[in-house]
C-alpha atoms as a PDB file:
ATOM      1  CA  MET A   1       0.000   0.000   0.000  1.00  0.00           C
ATOM      2  CA  PHE A   2       1.148   3.553  -0.697  1.00  0.00           C
ATOM      3  CA  SER A   3      -0.407   6.979  -0.210  1.00  0.00           C
ATOM      4  CA  ILE A   4      -0.032  10.385  -1.817  1.00  0.00           C
ATOM      5  CA  ALA A   5      -0.401  13.106   0.805  1.00  0.00           C
ATOM      6  CA  LEU A   6      -0.884  16.850   0.354  1.00  0.00           C
ATOM      7  CA  ILE A   7       0.054  18.825   3.442  1.00  0.00           C
ATOM      8  CA  GLN A   8      -0.825  22.534   3.595  1.00  0.00           C
ATOM      9  CA  ASN A   9       0.299  24.361   6.726  1.00  0.00           C
ATOM     10  CA  PRO A  10      -0.855  27.041   6.908  1.00  0.00           C
ATOM     11  CA  VAL A  11      -3.924  26.200   4.870  1.00  0.00           C
ATOM     12  CA  THR A  12      -4.830  29.780   4.042  1.00  0.00           C
ATOM     13  CA  GLN A  13      -4.297  33.356   5.048  1.00  0.00           C
ATOM     14  CA  PHE A  14      -7.773  34.358   6.242  1.00  0.00           C
ATOM     15  CA  ALA A  15      -9.166  37.807   7.091  1.00  0.00           C
ATOM     16  CA  SER A  16     -11.034  36.484  10.106  1.00  0.00           C
ATOM     17  CA  ALA A  17     -12.853  38.416  12.811  1.00  0.00           C
ATOM     18  CA  ARG A  18      -9.585  38.707  14.771  1.00  0.00           C
ATOM     19  CA  GLY A  19      -7.676  40.012  11.755  1.00  0.00           C
ATOM     20  CA  LEU A  20      -5.428  38.453   9.153  1.00  0.00           C
ATOM     21  CA  THR A  21      -4.715  34.922  10.358  1.00  0.00           C
ATOM     22  CA  PHE A  22      -2.604  32.057   9.069  1.00  0.00           C
ATOM     23  CA  MET A  23      -5.039  29.163   9.401  1.00  0.00           C
ATOM     24  CA  ARG A  24      -3.785  25.798  10.611  1.00  0.00           C
ATOM     25  CA  PRO A  25      -5.126  22.563   9.130  1.00  0.00           C
ATOM     26  CA  LEU A  26      -7.852  20.980  11.241  1.00  0.00           C
ATOM     27  CA  TRP A  27      -5.858  17.763  11.662  1.00  0.00           C
ATOM     28  CA  ALA A  28      -3.269  19.704  13.695  1.00  0.00           C
ATOM     29  CA  SER A  29      -5.785  19.817  16.567  1.00  0.00           C
ATOM     30  CA  TRP A  30      -5.343  16.069  17.043  1.00  0.00           C
ATOM     31  CA  PHE A  31      -1.855  15.316  15.712  1.00  0.00           C
ATOM     32  CA  SER A  32       1.310  17.013  16.898  1.00  0.00           C
ATOM     33  CA  SER A  33       3.272  16.477  13.694  1.00  0.00           C
ATOM     34  CA  VAL A  34       2.948  15.444  10.061  1.00  0.00           C
ATOM     35  CA  GLU A  35       4.635  12.148  10.964  1.00  0.00           C
ATOM     36  CA  ALA A  36       1.996  11.416  13.628  1.00  0.00           C
ATOM     37  CA  LEU A  37      -0.753  12.177  11.117  1.00  0.00           C
ATOM     38  CA  LEU A  38       0.743   9.885   8.484  1.00  0.00           C
ATOM     39  CA  ASP A  39       1.268   7.088  11.018  1.00  0.00           C
ATOM     40  CA  PHE A  40      -2.397   7.263  11.981  1.00  0.00           C
ATOM     41  CA  HIS A  41      -3.415   7.385   8.322  1.00  0.00           C
ATOM     42  CA  MET A  42      -1.483   4.264   7.375  1.00  0.00           C
ATOM     43  CA  LEU A  43      -2.579   2.261  10.408  1.00  0.00           C
ATOM     44  CA  ASP A  44      -6.189   3.332   9.960  1.00  0.00           C
ATOM     45  CA  TYR A  45      -6.426   1.910   6.438  1.00  0.00           C
ATOM     46  CA  ASN A  46      -8.888  -0.878   7.229  1.00  0.00           C
ATOM     47  CA  ASN A  47     -11.282   1.479   9.029  1.00  0.00           C
ATOM     48  CA  ALA A  48     -11.043   4.101   6.293  1.00  0.00           C
ATOM     49  CA  ALA A  49     -11.644   1.474   3.618  1.00  0.00           C
ATOM     50  CA  THR A  50     -14.718   0.189   5.467  1.00  0.00           C
ATOM     51  CA  LEU A  51     -16.224   3.661   5.748  1.00  0.00           C
ATOM     52  CA  ALA A  52     -15.390   4.536   2.137  1.00  0.00           C
ATOM     53  CA  ALA A  53     -16.929   1.304   0.850  1.00  0.00           C
ATOM     54  CA  ASN A  54     -20.078   1.931   2.873  1.00  0.00           C
ATOM     55  CA  TYR A  55     -20.383   5.443   1.441  1.00  0.00           C
ATOM     56  CA  SER A  56     -19.668   4.427  -2.154  1.00  0.00           C
ATOM     57  CA  SER A  57     -22.167   1.570  -1.993  1.00  0.00           C
ATOM     58  CA  GLN A  58     -24.948   3.774  -0.624  1.00  0.00           C
ATOM     59  CA  LEU A  59     -24.136   6.533  -3.119  1.00  0.00           C
ATOM     60  CA  ALA A  60     -24.313   4.105  -6.045  1.00  0.00           C
ATOM     61  CA  LYS A  61     -27.601   2.675  -4.818  1.00  0.00           C
ATOM     62  CA  ASP A  62     -29.210   6.097  -4.419  1.00  0.00           C
ATOM     63  CA  ALA A  63     -27.799   7.416  -7.711  1.00  0.00           C
ATOM     64  CA  TYR A  64     -29.149   4.414  -9.602  1.00  0.00           C
ATOM     65  CA  ALA A  65     -32.574   4.904  -8.027  1.00  0.00           C
ATOM     66  CA  SER A  66     -32.502   8.499  -9.301  1.00  0.00           C
ATOM     67  CA  GLY A  67     -31.192   7.814 -12.793  1.00  0.00           C
ATOM     68  CA  SER A  68     -29.247   5.051 -14.485  1.00  0.00           C
ATOM     69  CA  ASP A  69     -25.895   3.252 -14.603  1.00  0.00           C
ATOM     70  CA  ASP A  70     -24.385   6.303 -16.302  1.00  0.00           C
ATOM     71  CA  TYR A  71     -25.690   8.536 -13.521  1.00  0.00           C
ATOM     72  CA  VAL A  72     -23.988   6.310 -10.945  1.00  0.00           C
ATOM     73  CA  ASP A  73     -20.631   7.000 -12.614  1.00  0.00           C
ATOM     74  CA  ILE A  74     -21.295  10.733 -12.895  1.00  0.00           C
ATOM     75  CA  VAL A  75     -22.242  11.042  -9.215  1.00  0.00           C
ATOM     76  CA  ALA A  76     -19.257   8.948  -8.073  1.00  0.00           C
ATOM     77  CA  LEU A  77     -16.882  11.196 -10.025  1.00  0.00           C
ATOM     78  CA  THR A  78     -18.601  14.397  -8.911  1.00  0.00           C
ATOM     79  CA  ALA A  79     -18.396  13.474  -5.227  1.00  0.00           C
ATOM     80  CA  ARG A  80     -14.640  13.041  -5.509  1.00  0.00           C
ATOM     81  CA  GLN A  81     -14.208  16.250  -7.498  1.00  0.00           C
ATOM     82  CA  VAL A  82     -16.097  18.271  -4.889  1.00  0.00           C
ATOM     83  CA  MET A  83     -14.044  16.914  -1.993  1.00  0.00           C
ATOM     84  CA  GLY A  84     -10.850  17.389  -4.002  1.00  0.00           C
ATOM     85  CA  ALA A  85     -11.539  21.133  -4.040  1.00  0.00           C
ATOM     86  CA  THR A  86     -11.787  21.436  -0.257  1.00  0.00           C
ATOM     87  CA  VAL A  87      -9.466  21.614   2.736  1.00  0.00           C
ATOM     88  CA  PHE A  88     -10.402  21.512   6.424  1.00  0.00           C
ATOM     89  CA  SER A  89      -9.139  24.180   8.809  1.00  0.00           C
ATOM     90  CA  GLY A  90     -10.075  25.892  12.080  1.00  0.00           C
ATOM     91  CA  THR A  91     -10.338  24.205  15.473  1.00  0.00           C
ATOM     92  CA  PRO A  92     -12.634  21.545  16.967  1.00  0.00           C
ATOM     93  CA  ASN A  93     -14.693  24.333  18.542  1.00  0.00           C
ATOM     94  CA  ASP A  94     -14.911  26.282  15.284  1.00  0.00           C
ATOM     95  CA  PRO A  95     -14.262  24.074  12.231  1.00  0.00           C
ATOM     96  CA  ILE A  96     -13.948  25.629   8.766  1.00  0.00           C
ATOM     97  CA  LEU A  97     -13.937  24.151   5.284  1.00  0.00           C
ATOM     98  CA  PHE A  98     -12.338  26.110   2.457  1.00  0.00           C
ATOM     99  CA  MET A  99     -13.214  25.454  -1.192  1.00  0.00           C
ATOM    100  CA  LYS A 100     -11.256  26.570  -4.240  1.00  0.00           C
ATOM    101  CA  GLU A 101     -12.775  26.925  -7.682  1.00  0.00           C
ATOM    102  CA  ILE A 102     -11.686  24.255 -10.166  1.00  0.00           C
ATOM    103  CA  SER A 103     -10.636  24.955 -13.762  1.00  0.00           C
ATOM    104  CA  SER A 104     -11.375  28.669 -13.566  1.00  0.00           C
ATOM    105  CA  ASN A 105      -9.137  30.933 -11.494  1.00  0.00           C
ATOM    106  CA  GLY A 106      -7.825  31.506  -7.991  1.00  0.00           C
ATOM    107  CA  ASN A 107     -11.185  32.424  -6.452  1.00  0.00           C
ATOM    108  CA  PHE A 108     -12.305  30.486  -3.432  1.00  0.00           C
ATOM    109  CA  GLN A 109     -15.254  30.315  -1.078  1.00  0.00           C
ATOM    110  CA  THR A 110     -17.238  31.488  -4.117  1.00  0.00           C
ATOM    111  CA  ILE A 111     -20.906  31.406  -3.178  1.00  0.00           C
ATOM    112  CA  ASP A 112     -22.184  30.506  -6.647  1.00  0.00           C
ATOM    113  CA  VAL A 113     -19.681  27.632  -6.772  1.00  0.00           C
ATOM    114  CA  ILE A 114     -20.665  26.356  -3.334  1.00  0.00           C
ATOM    115  CA  PHE A 115     -24.317  26.546  -4.433  1.00  0.00           C
ATOM    116  CA  PRO A 116     -24.241  23.840  -7.159  1.00  0.00           C
ATOM    117  CA  SER A 117     -22.178  21.620  -4.851  1.00  0.00           C
ATOM    118  CA  PHE A 118     -24.376  21.925  -1.768  1.00  0.00           C
ATOM    119  CA  PRO A 119     -26.644  18.946  -2.630  1.00  0.00           C
ATOM    120  CA  PHE A 120     -23.532  16.798  -2.260  1.00  0.00           C
ATOM    121  CA  PHE A 121     -22.903  18.168   1.213  1.00  0.00           C
ATOM    122  CA  LEU A 122     -26.530  17.786   2.294  1.00  0.00           C
ATOM    123  CA  TYR A 123     -26.414  14.165   1.175  1.00  0.00           C
ATOM    124  CA  THR A 124     -22.995  13.278   2.538  1.00  0.00           C
ATOM    125  CA  ASN A 125     -22.546  15.357   5.697  1.00  0.00           C
ATOM    126  CA  PRO A 126     -24.580  18.576   6.118  1.00  0.00           C
ATOM    127  CA  ARG A 127     -22.216  19.935   8.778  1.00  0.00           C
ATOM    128  CA  TRP A 128     -19.623  20.388   6.034  1.00  0.00           C
ATOM    129  CA  LEU A 129     -21.969  22.876   4.356  1.00  0.00           C
ATOM    130  CA  ALA A 130     -22.061  24.820   7.621  1.00  0.00           C
ATOM    131  CA  TYR A 131     -18.251  24.773   7.712  1.00  0.00           C
ATOM    132  CA  LEU A 132     -18.168  26.137   4.133  1.00  0.00           C
ATOM    133  CA  LEU A 133     -20.508  29.026   4.939  1.00  0.00           C
ATOM    134  CA  GLU A 134     -18.782  29.887   8.228  1.00  0.00           C
ATOM    135  CA  PRO A 135     -15.805  31.891   6.888  1.00  0.00           C
ATOM    136  CA  LEU A 136     -18.141  33.967   4.685  1.00  0.00           C
ATOM    137  CA  ILE A 137     -20.392  34.688   7.660  1.00  0.00           C
ATOM    138  CA  GLU A 138     -17.526  35.419  10.064  1.00  0.00           C
ATOM    139  CA  HIS A 139     -15.734  37.725   7.625  1.00  0.00           C
ATOM    140  CA  THR A 140     -18.888  39.698   6.788  1.00  0.00           C
ATOM    141  CA  LEU A 141     -20.020  39.992  10.417  1.00  0.00           C
ATOM    142  CA  SER A 142     -16.611  41.445  11.281  1.00  0.00           C
ATOM    143  CA  GLY A 143     -17.343  44.433   9.057  1.00  0.00           C
ATOM    144  CA  GLN A 144     -14.548  43.848   6.555  1.00  0.00           C
ATOM    145  CA  TYR A 145     -16.869  43.762   3.529  1.00  0.00           C
ATOM    146  CA  PRO A 146     -18.484  47.145   2.799  1.00  0.00           C
ATOM    147  CA  ASN A 147     -21.422  46.160   0.576  1.00  0.00           C
ATOM    148  CA  LYS A 148     -24.888  45.266   1.837  1.00  0.00           C
ATOM    149  CA  TYR A 149     -25.220  42.253  -0.452  1.00  0.00           C
ATOM    150  CA  ALA A 150     -23.482  38.884  -0.091  1.00  0.00           C
ATOM    151  CA  MET A 151     -19.921  38.812  -1.356  1.00  0.00           C
ATOM    152  CA  HIS A 152     -19.022  36.819  -4.449  1.00  0.00           C
ATOM    153  CA  ASP A 153     -15.935  35.154  -2.965  1.00  0.00           C
ATOM    154  CA  LEU A 154     -13.523  35.374  -0.066  1.00  0.00           C
ATOM    155  CA  GLY A 155     -10.423  35.938  -2.164  1.00  0.00           C
ATOM    156  CA  ALA A 156      -9.325  35.991  -5.778  1.00  0.00           C
ATOM    157  CA  HIS A 157      -5.888  34.454  -5.249  1.00  0.00           C
ATOM    158  CA  PHE A 158      -5.905  31.163  -3.359  1.00  0.00           C
ATOM    159  CA  PRO A 159      -4.640  30.633  -0.653  1.00  0.00           C
ATOM    160  CA  ASN A 160      -5.165  34.297   0.313  1.00  0.00           C
ATOM    161  CA  ALA A 161      -8.662  34.656   1.780  1.00  0.00           C
ATOM    162  CA  THR A 162      -8.144  38.347   2.355  1.00  0.00           C
ATOM    163  CA  GLY A 163     -11.591  39.337   1.155  1.00  0.00           C
ATOM    164  CA  HIS A 164     -12.509  42.476  -0.742  1.00  0.00           C
ATOM    165  CA  PRO A 165     -12.341  45.434   1.661  1.00  0.00           C
ATOM    166  CA  ASP A 166     -12.778  47.771  -1.315  1.00  0.00           C
ATOM    167  CA  GLY A 167     -16.047  46.020  -2.213  1.00  0.00           C
ATOM    168  CA  ARG A 168     -14.901  45.399  -5.771  1.00  0.00           C
ATOM    169  CA  ASP A 169     -15.427  41.656  -6.008  1.00  0.00           C
ATOM    170  CA  GLU A 170     -17.204  40.159  -9.010  1.00  0.00           C
ATOM    171  CA  TYR A 171     -20.616  41.860  -9.172  1.00  0.00           C
ATOM    172  CA  MET A 172     -23.301  39.196  -8.644  1.00  0.00           C
ATOM    173  CA  PRO A 173     -25.379  40.704  -5.810  1.00  0.00           C
ATOM    174  CA  VAL A 174     -28.780  39.099  -6.454  1.00  0.00           C
ATOM    175  CA  GLU A 175     -27.204  35.765  -7.436  1.00  0.00           C
ATOM    176  CA  GLU A 176     -25.176  35.474  -4.246  1.00  0.00           C
ATOM    177  CA  CYS A 177     -27.834  36.771  -1.844  1.00  0.00           C
ATOM    178  CA  GLY A 178     -30.371  34.323  -3.246  1.00  0.00           C
ATOM    179  CA  ASN A 179     -27.889  31.460  -3.203  1.00  0.00           C
ATOM    180  CA  ILE A 180     -26.779  31.864   0.395  1.00  0.00           C
ATOM    181  CA  LEU A 181     -30.322  32.331   1.725  1.00  0.00           C
ATOM    182  CA  ILE A 182     -31.483  29.168  -0.047  1.00  0.00           C
ATOM    183  CA  MET A 183     -28.493  27.261   1.358  1.00  0.00           C
ATOM    184  CA  GLY A 184     -29.104  28.683   4.828  1.00  0.00           C
ATOM    185  CA  LEU A 185     -32.655  27.358   4.850  1.00  0.00           C
ATOM    186  CA  ALA A 186     -31.525  24.014   3.435  1.00  0.00           C
ATOM    187  CA  LEU A 187     -29.065  23.698   6.307  1.00  0.00           C
ATOM    188  CA  VAL A 188     -31.755  24.525   8.868  1.00  0.00           C
ATOM    189  CA  ASN A 189     -34.137  22.012   7.282  1.00  0.00           C
ATOM    190  CA  SER A 190     -31.454  19.299   7.374  1.00  0.00           C
ATOM    191  CA  LEU A 191     -31.330  19.700  11.157  1.00  0.00           C
ATOM    192  CA  THR A 192     -35.034  19.579  11.886  1.00  0.00           C
ATOM    193  CA  TYR A 193     -36.268  16.043  11.405  1.00  0.00           C
ATOM    194  CA  ASP A 194     -38.111  13.753  13.804  1.00  0.00           C
ATOM    195  CA  THR A 195     -37.492  10.273  12.433  1.00  0.00           C
ATOM    196  CA  GLU A 196     -34.576   8.426  10.871  1.00  0.00           C
ATOM    197  CA  ALA A 197     -36.466   8.104   7.606  1.00  0.00           C
ATOM    198  CA  ALA A 198     -36.981  11.874   7.466  1.00  0.00           C
ATOM    199  CA  ALA A 199     -33.272  12.714   7.761  1.00  0.00           C
ATOM    200  CA  GLY A 200     -31.781  14.244   4.637  1.00  0.00           C
ATOM    201  CA  SER A 201     -28.645  12.134   4.938  1.00  0.00           C
ATOM    202  CA  VAL A 202     -28.754   8.453   5.841  1.00  0.00           C
ATOM    203  CA  TRP A 203     -25.793   9.069   8.162  1.00  0.00           C
ATOM    204  CA  SER A 204     -27.273  12.071  10.024  1.00  0.00           C
ATOM    205  CA  ASN A 205     -28.738  10.163  12.944  1.00  0.00           C
ATOM    206  CA  LEU A 206     -25.609   8.110  13.718  1.00  0.00           C
ATOM    207  CA  GLY A 207     -23.881   8.909  16.992  1.00  0.00           C
ATOM    208  CA  ALA A 208     -24.741  10.605  20.259  1.00  0.00           C
ATOM    209  CA  SER A 209     -27.194  13.496  20.543  1.00  0.00           C
ATOM    210  CA  ASN A 210     -24.855  16.036  22.111  1.00  0.00           C
ATOM    211  CA  PHE A 211     -25.676  19.752  22.149  1.00  0.00           C
ATOM    212  CA  ASP A 212     -23.299  22.462  23.349  1.00  0.00           C
ATOM    213  CA  PRO A 213     -25.270  25.551  24.474  1.00  0.00           C
ATOM    214  CA  ASN A 214     -22.079  27.611  24.886  1.00  0.00           C
ATOM    215  CA  PRO A 215     -22.558  30.690  22.643  1.00  0.00           C
ATOM    216  CA  ALA A 216     -18.775  30.988  22.241  1.00  0.00           C
ATOM    217  CA  THR A 217     -18.544  27.714  20.292  1.00  0.00           C
ATOM    218  CA  SER A 218     -19.881  26.725  16.903  1.00  0.00           C
ATOM    219  CA  ALA A 219     -23.339  25.194  16.802  1.00  0.00           C
ATOM    220  CA  PHE A 220     -21.614  22.328  14.995  1.00  0.00           C
ATOM    221  CA  SER A 221     -18.388  21.930  16.950  1.00  0.00           C
ATOM    222  CA  LEU A 222     -16.309  18.759  16.904  1.00  0.00           C
ATOM    223  CA  GLY A 223     -15.704  18.740  20.637  1.00  0.00           C
ATOM    224  CA  LYS A 224     -16.945  15.176  21.090  1.00  0.00           C
ATOM    225  CA  ILE A 225     -15.323  12.929  18.494  1.00  0.00           C
ATOM    226  CA  GLU A 226     -16.667   9.404  18.862  1.00  0.00           C
ATOM    227  CA  THR A 227     -15.504   5.824  18.539  1.00  0.00           C
ATOM    228  CA  ARG A 228     -18.151   3.486  17.141  1.00  0.00           C
ATOM    229  CA  ALA A 229     -17.725  -0.157  16.135  1.00  0.00           C
ATOM    230  CA  GLY A 230     -14.029   0.208  16.960  1.00  0.00           C
ATOM    231  CA  ILE A 231     -13.535   3.138  14.551  1.00  0.00           C
ATOM    232  CA  PHE A 232     -12.138   6.362  16.037  1.00  0.00           C
ATOM    233  CA  GLY A 233     -12.799   9.853  14.742  1.00  0.00           C
ATOM    234  CA  LEU A 234     -16.517   9.787  13.910  1.00  0.00           C
ATOM    235  CA  ASP A 235     -18.935  12.713  14.209  1.00  0.00           C
ATOM    236  CA  ASP A 236     -21.864  12.677  16.588  1.00  0.00           C
ATOM    237  CA  SER A 237     -25.368  12.871  15.162  1.00  0.00           C
ATOM    238  CA  TRP A 238     -26.504  15.757  12.996  1.00  0.00           C
ATOM    239  CA  GLY A 239     -29.648  17.448  14.282  1.00  0.00           C
ATOM    240  CA  GLY A 240     -32.838  15.539  14.825  1.00  0.00           C
ATOM    241  CA  SER A 241     -35.645  16.126  17.301  1.00  0.00           C
ATOM    242  CA  THR A 242     -34.928  18.624  20.112  1.00  0.00           C
ATOM    243  CA  LYS A 243     -31.200  18.730  19.436  1.00  0.00           C
ATOM    244  CA  GLY A 244     -31.733  19.777  15.822  1.00  0.00           C
ATOM    245  CA  ILE A 245     -34.038  22.642  16.758  1.00  0.00           C
ATOM    246  CA  LYS A 246     -31.549  23.910  19.348  1.00  0.00           C
ATOM    247  CA  GLN A 247     -28.669  23.681  16.879  1.00  0.00           C
ATOM    248  CA  ALA A 248     -30.625  25.511  14.202  1.00  0.00           C
ATOM    249  CA  GLN A 249     -31.645  28.262  16.603  1.00  0.00           C
ATOM    250  CA  LYS A 250     -28.095  28.713  17.889  1.00  0.00           C
ATOM    251  CA  TRP A 251     -26.725  28.922  14.352  1.00  0.00           C
ATOM    252  CA  VAL A 252     -29.357  31.328  13.025  1.00  0.00           C
ATOM    253  CA  THR A 253     -29.399  33.603  16.078  1.00  0.00           C
ATOM    254  CA  ARG A 254     -25.688  34.386  15.878  1.00  0.00           C
ATOM    255  CA  SER A 255     -25.916  35.828  12.360  1.00  0.00           C
ATOM    256  CA  TYR A 256     -29.606  36.707  12.086  1.00  0.00           C
ATOM    257  CA  GLN A 257     -29.005  40.393  11.337  1.00  0.00           C
ATOM    258  CA  LEU A 258     -26.779  39.388   8.434  1.00  0.00           C
ATOM    259  CA  TRP A 259     -29.471  37.158   6.928  1.00  0.00           C
ATOM    260  CA  LYS A 260     -31.885  40.082   7.261  1.00  0.00           C
ATOM    261  CA  GLN A 261     -29.404  42.406   5.561  1.00  0.00           C
ATOM    262  CA  TRP A 262     -29.071  40.102   2.557  1.00  0.00           C
ATOM    263  CA  THR A 263     -32.851  39.709   2.357  1.00  0.00           C
ATOM    264  CA  SER A 264     -33.384  43.471   2.475  1.00  0.00           C
ATOM    265  CA  TYR A 265     -31.146  43.772  -0.568  1.00  0.00           C
ATOM    266  CA  LEU A 266     -33.262  41.238  -2.445  1.00  0.00           C
ATOM    267  CA  ILE A 267     -36.466  43.033  -1.495  1.00  0.00           C
ATOM    268  CA  GLU A 268     -35.138  46.255  -2.970  1.00  0.00           C
ATOM    269  CA  PHE A 269     -33.267  44.994  -6.009  1.00  0.00           C
ATOM    270  CA  SER A 270     -34.321  41.508  -7.129  1.00  0.00           C
ATOM    271  CA  LEU A 271     -37.764  42.031  -8.659  1.00  0.00           C
ATOM    272  CA  GLU A 272     -36.321  43.899 -11.650  1.00  0.00           C
ATOM    273  CA  PRO A 273     -32.592  43.108 -11.495  1.00  0.00           C
ATOM    274  CA  GLU A 274     -30.306  45.836 -12.815  1.00  0.00           C
ATOM    275  CA  ASN A 275     -27.371  45.216 -15.159  1.00  0.00           C
ATOM    276  CA  GLN A 276     -25.267  42.555 -13.414  1.00  0.00           C
ATOM    277  CA  LEU A 277     -23.714  39.119 -13.681  1.00  0.00           C
ATOM    278  CA  SER A 278     -25.355  35.831 -12.869  1.00  0.00           C
ATOM    279  CA  THR A 279     -23.465  32.599 -12.234  1.00  0.00           C
ATOM    280  CA  ASP A 280     -23.319  32.248 -16.044  1.00  0.00           C
ATOM    281  CA  ASP A 281     -20.783  35.063 -16.032  1.00  0.00           C
ATOM    282  CA  PHE A 282     -19.484  34.067 -19.467  1.00  0.00           C
ATOM    283  CA  ALA A 283     -22.615  35.811 -20.829  1.00  0.00           C
ATOM    284  CA  GLY A 284     -21.517  39.102 -19.307  1.00  0.00           C
ATOM    285  CA  PRO A 285     -23.709  41.565 -17.374  1.00  0.00           C
ATOM    286  CA  LEU A 286     -27.377  41.576 -18.382  1.00  0.00           C
ATOM    287  CA  GLN A 287     -30.478  43.436 -17.218  1.00  0.00           C
ATOM    288  CA  LEU A 288     -33.778  41.938 -16.089  1.00  0.00           C
ATOM    289  CA  GLN A 289     -32.610  38.327 -15.887  1.00  0.00           C
ATOM    290  CA  THR A 290     -35.618  36.161 -15.066  1.00  0.00           C
ATOM    291  CA  ASN A 291     -33.488  33.565 -13.290  1.00  0.00           C
ATOM    292  CA  LEU A 292     -32.165  36.249 -10.921  1.00  0.00           C
ATOM    293  CA  ALA A 293     -35.655  37.586 -10.181  1.00  0.00           C
ATOM    294  CA  LEU A 294     -36.853  34.065  -9.373  1.00  0.00           C
ATOM    295  CA  LYS A 295     -33.822  33.368  -7.214  1.00  0.00           C
ATOM    296  CA  GLY A 296     -34.439  36.617  -5.339  1.00  0.00           C
ATOM    297  CA  ILE A 297     -38.057  35.673  -4.636  1.00  0.00           C
ATOM    298  CA  LEU A 298     -36.999  32.220  -3.447  1.00  0.00           C
ATOM    299  CA  GLY A 299     -34.375  33.822  -1.206  1.00  0.00           C
ATOM    300  CA  ILE A 300     -36.963  36.110   0.397  1.00  0.00           C
ATOM    301  CA  LYS A 301     -39.298  33.156   0.973  1.00  0.00           C
ATOM    302  CA  ALA A 302     -36.399  31.194   2.464  1.00  0.00           C
ATOM    303  CA  MET A 303     -35.832  34.023   4.926  1.00  0.00           C
ATOM    304  CA  SER A 304     -39.431  33.769   6.129  1.00  0.00           C
ATOM    305  CA  GLN A 305     -38.757  30.162   7.133  1.00  0.00           C
ATOM    306  CA  ILE A 306     -35.382  31.009   8.658  1.00  0.00           C
ATOM    307  CA  SER A 307     -37.235  33.567  10.817  1.00  0.00           C
ATOM    308  CA  GLU A 308     -39.678  30.877  11.911  1.00  0.00           C
ATOM    309  CA  THR A 309     -36.723  28.849  13.184  1.00  0.00           C
ATOM    310  CA  ILE A 310     -36.114  31.374  15.960  1.00  0.00           C
ATOM    311  CA  ASP A 311     -39.863  31.969  16.475  1.00  0.00           C
ATOM    312  CA  ASN A 312     -39.782  35.466  14.991  1.00  0.00           C
ATOM    313  CA  GLU A 313     -43.301  35.325  13.586  1.00  0.00           C
ATOM    314  CA  GLU A 314     -43.394  39.026  12.764  1.00  0.00           C
ATOM    315  CA  ASP A 315     -40.398  38.780  10.425  1.00  0.00           C
ATOM    316  CA  ALA A 316     -41.616  35.473   9.031  1.00  0.00           C
ATOM    317  CA  LYS A 317     -44.961  36.994   8.051  1.00  0.00           C
ATOM    318  CA  TYR A 318     -43.285  40.089   6.572  1.00  0.00           C
ATOM    319  CA  TYR A 319     -40.918  38.133   4.316  1.00  0.00           C
ATOM    320  CA  ARG A 320     -43.564  35.588   3.353  1.00  0.00           C
ATOM    321  CA  ASN A 321     -45.983  38.333   2.262  1.00  0.00           C
ATOM    322  CA  ILE A 322     -43.335  40.051   0.143  1.00  0.00           C
ATOM    323  CA  SER A 323     -42.280  36.836  -1.581  1.00  0.00           C
ATOM    324  CA  GLU A 324     -45.896  35.971  -2.369  1.00  0.00           C
ATOM    325  CA  THR A 325     -46.628  39.485  -3.624  1.00  0.00           C
ATOM    326  CA  TYR A 326     -43.576  39.429  -5.893  1.00  0.00           C
END
């Protein structure tokens, strides 16, 4: 057996809430050196192979049920391509997942690139979607991005996630606001299920139902890594029942004003979108794009349901009425 390992340390240079930070890889929270990491990796082969085989088998089964033999191959390849574009960083209390664009340029944490990949994350492990959105949320909440709409990306030259303090990132305001609101609701919905059959991912309900109420930690921290069936390093369960509601409320509450800010932009500017780019940026800026207007309306409706998560019925009614009127 042999392995090919890519070690990035630091992973990125990130304009975080505490300022420009060289981000360590997440594995460094558990392993003191590269050698210790590689030792664990080699000795853990049988466990890793078991988990990978379980995932690949379930993925093939579900892909075939949704399409055909060809679709099975497409989904298998796509899953690997998506993960190949990511790198884990942060700490167990505040995990982060960075994603670089593939076959385009040096942009990363691009919202309209995360958007077409988010079904993969909802299916495989929804917490990874939360880890992808986290650096965008943290950076914007810290006041380092001057515009009122959602930013296009976190940096144009990977691995420098230094943001766009001049506000001159690629101009896709309605596209990105709609995208991130839709993903935010999808994440909330993935947490709030009552039965195993209702879970969005077949692996969501595995593990203990731990919830950390500490507001200083992520709603989806990795503080309690588990060992199950003799395999170390497994996540606890994702959402479900009372735990899921508490997780969703903790996550939404922290950044609620930001979600409202993005929605306010859509209310003002999405019904008749001005000259701007959509994710099909090869077409150049265009006015009155129907797909952007629809995405804006969906984003506003998503916000009404996000508001319901924290029992803000006044906001929920307001956003629901606007989306229905539009």
